[in-house]
Amino acid sequence: MAKKIIGNLKLRIPAGRASAGPPVGSTLGQWGLNMMDFINPFNDATKGDMGKDVIVHIQVFEDRTFTWKSLGQPVDDAIRAAIGIQKGSGKPHAEKVGKITRAQLEEIANAKMEMLNAVDLDGAVKTIAGTARSMGVEVVE
């Protein structure tokens, strides 16, 4: 019989730099989890992505055990890194902050393909392009 899930947590943590302080320590502590059982494996698994934030999903079970999955860098961070901007536009449909090409979109889509709910690469590119447009980034061919 499967264990009963009592919590689903989503955290955004700097890769390879998780510590017992916030947000990791305070979030895991609320659920009564041993934070070092998460911190050490997470830091080892993500040290190749140092300098980037990583999205992590944690499932907490009734017996205070847990599983975690790293989803990698968020799409908006990847878009900002690809075109070299600090932040998106406050008025995305009126003020554009940069341009992104189809090739850059495909590169991001390939990296995030397993996390997206797209059937093929073209659908994934359209999803990434929608995120870019909502940030005030113009999509060019």
N, C-alpha and C. Protein backbone atom coordinates (compact mmCIF):
# COMPACT_ATOMS: atom_id res chain seq x y z
N MET A 1 0.84 -1.18 0.00
CA MET A 1 0.00 0.00 0.00
C MET A 1 0.88 1.25 0.00
N ALA A 2 0.49 2.22 -0.77
CA ALA A 2 1.27 3.45 -0.89
C ALA A 2 1.13 4.31 0.36
N LYS A 3 2.18 5.07 0.63
CA LYS A 3 2.15 5.98 1.78
C LYS A 3 1.21 7.13 1.49
N LYS A 4 0.57 7.64 2.54
CA LYS A 4 -0.35 8.76 2.38
C LYS A 4 0.44 10.08 2.33
N ILE A 5 0.17 10.88 1.30
CA ILE A 5 0.83 12.17 1.14
C ILE A 5 0.08 13.21 1.97
N ILE A 6 0.82 13.92 2.82
CA ILE A 6 0.17 14.94 3.65
C ILE A 6 0.58 16.36 3.23
N GLY A 7 1.54 16.47 2.31
CA GLY A 7 1.93 17.80 1.88
C GLY A 7 2.72 17.79 0.58
N ASN A 8 2.49 18.80 -0.25
CA ASN A 8 3.25 19.02 -1.47
C ASN A 8 3.86 20.42 -1.37
N LEU A 9 5.17 20.49 -1.36
CA LEU A 9 5.86 21.76 -1.19
C LEU A 9 6.57 22.14 -2.48
N LYS A 10 6.61 23.43 -2.77
CA LYS A 10 7.35 23.94 -3.93
C LYS A 10 8.28 25.03 -3.42
N LEU A 11 9.56 24.88 -3.70
CA LEU A 11 10.56 25.83 -3.25
C LEU A 11 11.41 26.29 -4.43
N ARG A 12 11.91 27.51 -4.34
CA ARG A 12 12.87 28.05 -5.31
C ARG A 12 14.15 28.31 -4.52
N ILE A 13 15.18 27.52 -4.83
CA ILE A 13 16.41 27.52 -4.04
C ILE A 13 17.61 27.73 -4.96
N PRO A 14 18.61 28.50 -4.53
CA PRO A 14 19.83 28.61 -5.33
C PRO A 14 20.52 27.24 -5.44
N ALA A 15 20.88 26.86 -6.64
CA ALA A 15 21.48 25.55 -6.88
C ALA A 15 22.79 25.39 -6.11
N GLY A 16 22.92 24.26 -5.43
CA GLY A 16 24.13 23.93 -4.70
C GLY A 16 24.35 24.72 -3.43
N ARG A 17 23.38 25.58 -3.05
CA ARG A 17 23.58 26.43 -1.87
C ARG A 17 22.42 26.35 -0.89
N ALA A 18 21.76 25.24 -0.81
CA ALA A 18 20.68 25.08 0.18
C ALA A 18 21.31 25.04 1.57
N SER A 19 20.66 25.68 2.53
CA SER A 19 21.16 25.68 3.91
C SER A 19 19.99 25.51 4.87
N ALA A 20 20.32 25.40 6.14
CA ALA A 20 19.28 25.19 7.15
C ALA A 20 18.49 26.47 7.43
N GLY A 21 18.90 27.58 6.85
CA GLY A 21 18.16 28.84 7.00
C GLY A 21 16.99 28.89 6.04
N PRO A 22 16.25 30.01 6.08
CA PRO A 22 15.13 30.16 5.16
C PRO A 22 15.59 30.14 3.71
N PRO A 23 14.82 29.66 2.77
CA PRO A 23 13.48 29.12 2.89
C PRO A 23 13.44 27.63 3.24
N VAL A 24 14.57 26.94 3.12
CA VAL A 24 14.58 25.48 3.30
C VAL A 24 14.28 25.08 4.73
N GLY A 25 15.04 25.62 5.67
CA GLY A 25 14.90 25.21 7.07
C GLY A 25 13.54 25.50 7.64
N SER A 26 13.01 26.69 7.39
CA SER A 26 11.71 27.04 7.95
C SER A 26 10.59 26.21 7.33
N THR A 27 10.68 25.93 6.04
CA THR A 27 9.62 25.16 5.37
C THR A 27 9.65 23.70 5.80
N LEU A 28 10.81 23.08 5.77
CA LEU A 28 10.89 21.66 6.16
C LEU A 28 10.64 21.48 7.66
N GLY A 29 11.05 22.46 8.47
CA GLY A 29 10.83 22.39 9.91
C GLY A 29 9.35 22.38 10.28
N GLN A 30 8.54 23.11 9.52
CA GLN A 30 7.09 23.14 9.77
C GLN A 30 6.47 21.75 9.63
N TRP A 31 7.06 20.94 8.75
CA TRP A 31 6.52 19.61 8.50
C TRP A 31 7.20 18.54 9.34
N GLY A 32 8.14 18.94 10.19
CA GLY A 32 8.83 17.99 11.06
C GLY A 32 9.81 17.10 10.33
N LEU A 33 10.41 17.61 9.27
CA LEU A 33 11.34 16.82 8.46
C LEU A 33 12.79 17.11 8.85
N ASN A 34 13.64 16.13 8.67
CA ASN A 34 15.07 16.32 8.91
C ASN A 34 15.64 17.05 7.70
N MET A 35 16.03 18.31 7.90
CA MET A 35 16.45 19.12 6.76
C MET A 35 17.76 18.65 6.13
N MET A 36 18.65 18.04 6.91
CA MET A 36 19.92 17.58 6.35
C MET A 36 19.72 16.40 5.39
N ASP A 37 18.62 15.67 5.54
CA ASP A 37 18.29 14.60 4.60
C ASP A 37 17.92 15.17 3.23
N PHE A 38 17.57 16.44 3.18
CA PHE A 38 17.29 17.11 1.91
C PHE A 38 18.47 17.95 1.44
N ILE A 39 19.07 18.70 2.34
CA ILE A 39 20.10 19.69 1.96
C ILE A 39 21.31 19.04 1.29
N ASN A 40 21.87 18.01 1.91
CA ASN A 40 23.07 17.39 1.34
C ASN A 40 22.84 16.77 -0.04
N PRO A 41 21.81 15.94 -0.24
CA PRO A 41 21.58 15.39 -1.59
C PRO A 41 21.24 16.48 -2.61
N PHE A 42 20.49 17.51 -2.19
CA PHE A 42 20.14 18.59 -3.12
C PHE A 42 21.39 19.33 -3.57
N ASN A 43 22.25 19.69 -2.64
CA ASN A 43 23.47 20.42 -3.00
C ASN A 43 24.37 19.59 -3.91
N ASP A 44 24.47 18.28 -3.65
CA ASP A 44 25.27 17.42 -4.51
C ASP A 44 24.67 17.32 -5.92
N ALA A 45 23.34 17.20 -6.00
CA ALA A 45 22.69 17.02 -7.30
C ALA A 45 22.68 18.29 -8.14
N THR A 46 22.73 19.46 -7.51
CA THR A 46 22.59 20.71 -8.26
C THR A 46 23.86 21.54 -8.34
N LYS A 47 24.99 21.00 -7.90
CA LYS A 47 26.20 21.82 -7.92
C LYS A 47 26.65 22.17 -9.33
N GLY A 48 26.19 21.46 -10.33
CA GLY A 48 26.50 21.79 -11.72
C GLY A 48 25.77 23.03 -12.22
N ASP A 49 24.71 23.43 -11.54
CA ASP A 49 23.91 24.60 -11.93
C ASP A 49 24.17 25.80 -11.03
N MET A 50 25.33 25.85 -10.39
CA MET A 50 25.64 26.95 -9.46
C MET A 50 25.38 28.31 -10.11
N GLY A 51 24.82 29.22 -9.34
CA GLY A 51 24.52 30.56 -9.83
C GLY A 51 23.11 30.70 -10.35
N LYS A 52 22.39 29.61 -10.48
CA LYS A 52 21.01 29.64 -10.96
C LYS A 52 20.07 29.23 -9.83
N ASP A 53 18.84 29.71 -9.89
CA ASP A 53 17.82 29.22 -8.98
C ASP A 53 17.23 27.95 -9.56
N VAL A 54 16.77 27.06 -8.70
CA VAL A 54 16.20 25.79 -9.10
C VAL A 54 14.84 25.63 -8.41
N ILE A 55 13.86 25.15 -9.15
CA ILE A 55 12.55 24.84 -8.59
C ILE A 55 12.57 23.39 -8.08
N VAL A 56 12.11 23.19 -6.85
CA VAL A 56 12.09 21.86 -6.25
C VAL A 56 10.68 21.55 -5.76
N HIS A 57 10.20 20.35 -6.08
CA HIS A 57 8.92 19.87 -5.55
C HIS A 57 9.22 18.78 -4.53
N ILE A 58 8.63 18.92 -3.34
CA ILE A 58 8.85 17.96 -2.26
C ILE A 58 7.50 17.37 -1.86
N GLN A 59 7.42 16.04 -1.81
CA GLN A 59 6.21 15.37 -1.33
C GLN A 59 6.50 14.87 0.08
N VAL A 60 5.63 15.25 1.02
CA VAL A 60 5.79 14.85 2.42
C VAL A 60 4.76 13.75 2.71
N PHE A 61 5.24 12.66 3.32
CA PHE A 61 4.37 11.53 3.63
C PHE A 61 4.00 11.53 5.11
N GLU A 62 3.00 10.75 5.43
CA GLU A 62 2.44 10.69 6.78
C GLU A 62 3.47 10.27 7.83
N ASP A 63 4.42 9.42 7.46
CA ASP A 63 5.43 8.96 8.42
C ASP A 63 6.64 9.89 8.50
N ARG A 64 6.48 11.12 8.01
CA ARG A 64 7.51 12.18 8.03
C ARG A 64 8.73 11.86 7.15
N THR A 65 8.53 11.04 6.15
CA THR A 65 9.54 10.86 5.12
C THR A 65 9.14 11.73 3.94
N PHE A 66 10.03 11.87 2.98
CA PHE A 66 9.70 12.71 1.83
C PHE A 66 10.49 12.29 0.61
N THR A 67 10.01 12.72 -0.54
CA THR A 67 10.74 12.58 -1.80
C THR A 67 10.81 13.97 -2.42
N TRP A 68 11.82 14.19 -3.23
CA TRP A 68 11.95 15.49 -3.88
C TRP A 68 12.39 15.32 -5.32
N LYS A 69 12.02 16.33 -6.12
CA LYS A 69 12.37 16.32 -7.54
C LYS A 69 12.77 17.73 -7.93
N SER A 70 13.91 17.85 -8.57
CA SER A 70 14.39 19.15 -9.04
C SER A 70 13.87 19.37 -10.46
N LEU A 71 13.22 20.51 -10.69
CA LEU A 71 12.69 20.83 -12.01
C LEU A 71 13.61 21.72 -12.81
N GLY A 72 14.74 22.08 -12.26
CA GLY A 72 15.69 22.91 -12.98
C GLY A 72 15.34 24.39 -12.92
N GLN A 73 16.02 25.14 -13.77
CA GLN A 73 15.86 26.60 -13.80
C GLN A 73 14.47 26.98 -14.31
N PRO A 74 13.82 27.97 -13.68
CA PRO A 74 12.53 28.44 -14.17
C PRO A 74 12.64 29.02 -15.58
N VAL A 75 11.57 28.93 -16.36
CA VAL A 75 11.55 29.40 -17.74
C VAL A 75 11.83 30.90 -17.81
N ASP A 76 11.26 31.69 -16.92
CA ASP A 76 11.49 33.14 -16.99
C ASP A 76 12.96 33.48 -16.75
N ASP A 77 13.63 32.75 -15.88
CA ASP A 77 15.06 32.97 -15.66
C ASP A 77 15.85 32.61 -16.91
N ALA A 78 15.48 31.52 -17.57
CA ALA A 78 16.17 31.10 -18.80
C ALA A 78 15.99 32.14 -19.91
N ILE A 79 14.80 32.71 -20.01
CA ILE A 79 14.55 33.74 -21.03
C ILE A 79 15.39 34.97 -20.74
N ARG A 80 15.39 35.40 -19.48
CA ARG A 80 16.18 36.59 -19.12
C ARG A 80 17.67 36.36 -19.37
N ALA A 81 18.16 35.17 -19.09
CA ALA A 81 19.58 34.86 -19.32
C ALA A 81 19.89 34.81 -20.82
N ALA A 82 18.97 34.28 -21.61
CA ALA A 82 19.19 34.15 -23.05
C ALA A 82 19.30 35.50 -23.75
N ILE A 83 18.53 36.48 -23.29
CA ILE A 83 18.57 37.79 -23.97
C ILE A 83 19.30 38.86 -23.18
N GLY A 84 19.75 38.51 -21.98
CA GLY A 84 20.59 39.43 -21.22
C GLY A 84 19.88 40.61 -20.59
N ILE A 85 18.70 40.37 -20.01
CA ILE A 85 18.00 41.45 -19.31
C ILE A 85 17.90 41.10 -17.83
N GLN A 86 17.70 42.11 -16.99
CA GLN A 86 17.60 41.90 -15.55
C GLN A 86 16.20 41.51 -15.11
N LYS A 87 15.19 42.14 -15.74
CA LYS A 87 13.81 41.83 -15.37
C LYS A 87 12.88 42.09 -16.54
N GLY A 88 11.68 41.55 -16.44
CA GLY A 88 10.68 41.74 -17.49
C GLY A 88 10.04 43.12 -17.38
N SER A 89 9.12 43.38 -18.29
CA SER A 89 8.45 44.67 -18.34
C SER A 89 7.29 44.74 -17.35
N GLY A 90 7.08 45.91 -16.77
CA GLY A 90 5.93 46.13 -15.90
C GLY A 90 4.65 46.26 -16.69
N LYS A 91 4.78 46.67 -17.95
CA LYS A 91 3.65 46.80 -18.88
C LYS A 91 4.00 46.01 -20.14
N PRO A 92 3.84 44.68 -20.11
CA PRO A 92 4.37 43.84 -21.18
C PRO A 92 3.79 44.09 -22.57
N HIS A 93 2.57 44.58 -22.68
CA HIS A 93 2.00 44.78 -24.01
C HIS A 93 2.30 46.17 -24.55
N ALA A 94 2.74 47.07 -23.70
CA ALA A 94 3.04 48.44 -24.13
C ALA A 94 4.54 48.70 -24.21
N GLU A 95 5.30 48.19 -23.26
CA GLU A 95 6.74 48.43 -23.21
C GLU A 95 7.49 47.12 -23.39
N LYS A 96 8.26 47.02 -24.47
CA LYS A 96 9.06 45.82 -24.74
C LYS A 96 10.46 46.01 -24.17
N VAL A 97 11.02 44.95 -23.59
CA VAL A 97 12.33 45.04 -22.96
C VAL A 97 13.43 44.31 -23.73
N GLY A 98 13.06 43.57 -24.76
CA GLY A 98 14.05 42.85 -25.53
C GLY A 98 13.41 41.99 -26.60
N LYS A 99 14.26 41.28 -27.34
CA LYS A 99 13.80 40.39 -28.41
C LYS A 99 14.44 39.03 -28.23
N ILE A 100 13.68 37.98 -28.58
CA ILE A 100 14.18 36.61 -28.51
C ILE A 100 13.88 35.92 -29.83
N THR A 101 14.81 35.10 -30.29
CA THR A 101 14.65 34.42 -31.58
C THR A 101 14.06 33.03 -31.40
N ARG A 102 13.63 32.47 -32.51
CA ARG A 102 13.09 31.11 -32.50
C ARG A 102 14.15 30.11 -32.04
N ALA A 103 15.39 30.31 -32.45
CA ALA A 103 16.47 29.40 -32.06
C ALA A 103 16.68 29.42 -30.54
N GLN A 104 16.61 30.60 -29.94
CA GLN A 104 16.74 30.69 -28.48
C GLN A 104 15.57 30.02 -27.79
N LEU A 105 14.37 30.21 -28.35
CA LEU A 105 13.18 29.56 -27.78
C LEU A 105 13.31 28.03 -27.85
N GLU A 106 13.82 27.52 -28.97
CA GLU A 106 13.98 26.08 -29.13
C GLU A 106 15.00 25.53 -28.13
N GLU A 107 16.06 26.27 -27.89
CA GLU A 107 17.07 25.85 -26.92
C GLU A 107 16.47 25.73 -25.51
N ILE A 108 15.68 26.72 -25.12
CA ILE A 108 15.03 26.69 -23.81
C ILE A 108 14.00 25.57 -23.76
N ALA A 109 13.23 25.40 -24.85
CA ALA A 109 12.20 24.36 -24.90
C ALA A 109 12.82 22.97 -24.79
N ASN A 110 13.97 22.75 -25.45
CA ASN A 110 14.64 21.44 -25.35
C ASN A 110 15.08 21.17 -23.92
N ALA A 111 15.56 22.18 -23.23
CA ALA A 111 16.01 22.01 -21.85
C ALA A 111 14.84 21.72 -20.91
N LYS A 112 13.68 22.30 -21.17
CA LYS A 112 12.52 22.17 -20.28
C LYS A 112 11.46 21.18 -20.80
N MET A 113 11.73 20.47 -21.88
CA MET A 113 10.73 19.64 -22.54
C MET A 113 10.03 18.65 -21.61
N GLU A 114 10.77 17.98 -20.75
CA GLU A 114 10.15 16.97 -19.89
C GLU A 114 9.25 17.58 -18.81
N MET A 115 9.42 18.87 -18.53
CA MET A 115 8.61 19.54 -17.52
C MET A 115 7.36 20.20 -18.10
N LEU A 116 7.34 20.37 -19.43
CA LEU A 116 6.21 21.04 -20.08
C LEU A 116 5.15 20.04 -20.47
N ASN A 117 3.93 20.51 -20.62
CA ASN A 117 2.85 19.62 -21.04
C ASN A 117 2.62 19.75 -22.55
N ALA A 118 3.70 19.78 -23.32
CA ALA A 118 3.63 19.88 -24.76
C ALA A 118 3.88 18.52 -25.39
N VAL A 119 3.22 18.27 -26.52
CA VAL A 119 3.35 16.99 -27.20
C VAL A 119 4.65 16.94 -28.01
N ASP A 120 5.00 18.06 -28.65
CA ASP A 120 6.19 18.10 -29.48
C ASP A 120 6.96 19.39 -29.25
N LEU A 121 8.07 19.54 -29.95
CA LEU A 121 8.92 20.71 -29.77
C LEU A 121 8.21 21.99 -30.17
N ASP A 122 7.40 21.94 -31.22
CA ASP A 122 6.69 23.14 -31.67
C ASP A 122 5.73 23.65 -30.59
N GLY A 123 5.02 22.74 -29.94
CA GLY A 123 4.13 23.12 -28.85
C GLY A 123 4.89 23.69 -27.67
N ALA A 124 6.05 23.11 -27.38
CA ALA A 124 6.88 23.61 -26.27
C ALA A 124 7.40 25.01 -26.58
N VAL A 125 7.79 25.24 -27.83
CA VAL A 125 8.27 26.57 -28.24
C VAL A 125 7.16 27.60 -28.09
N LYS A 126 5.94 27.23 -28.45
CA LYS A 126 4.81 28.15 -28.32
C LYS A 126 4.55 28.49 -26.84
N THR A 127 4.71 27.51 -25.98
CA THR A 127 4.53 27.74 -24.54
C THR A 127 5.58 28.71 -24.02
N ILE A 128 6.84 28.48 -24.40
CA ILE A 128 7.93 29.36 -23.97
C ILE A 128 7.75 30.76 -24.55
N ALA A 129 7.30 30.84 -25.81
CA ALA A 129 7.06 32.14 -26.45
C ALA A 129 5.97 32.92 -25.72
N GLY A 130 4.95 32.23 -25.25
CA GLY A 130 3.89 32.88 -24.48
C GLY A 130 4.42 33.46 -23.19
N THR A 131 5.31 32.73 -22.52
CA THR A 131 5.93 33.25 -21.30
C THR A 131 6.76 34.48 -21.62
N ALA A 132 7.50 34.43 -22.72
CA ALA A 132 8.33 35.57 -23.12
C ALA A 132 7.46 36.80 -23.40
N ARG A 133 6.36 36.61 -24.12
CA ARG A 133 5.47 37.74 -24.41
C ARG A 133 4.89 38.35 -23.14
N SER A 134 4.57 37.51 -22.17
CA SER A 134 4.00 38.02 -20.93
C SER A 134 5.03 38.77 -20.08
N MET A 135 6.31 38.61 -20.44
CA MET A 135 7.38 39.33 -19.76
C MET A 135 7.73 40.62 -20.48
N GLY A 136 7.11 40.87 -21.63
CA GLY A 136 7.43 42.05 -22.42
C GLY A 136 8.57 41.82 -23.40
N VAL A 137 8.83 40.57 -23.74
CA VAL A 137 9.89 40.24 -24.68
C VAL A 137 9.24 39.95 -26.03
N GLU A 138 9.75 40.60 -27.07
CA GLU A 138 9.20 40.43 -28.41
C GLU A 138 9.80 39.18 -29.05
N VAL A 139 8.95 38.32 -29.64
CA VAL A 139 9.40 37.10 -30.29
C VAL A 139 9.60 37.40 -31.76
N VAL A 140 10.84 37.20 -32.27
CA VAL A 140 11.15 37.45 -33.68
C VAL A 140 11.58 36.16 -34.34
N GLU A 141 11.41 36.10 -35.64
CA GLU A 141 11.77 34.88 -36.38
C GLU A 141 13.21 34.85 -36.69
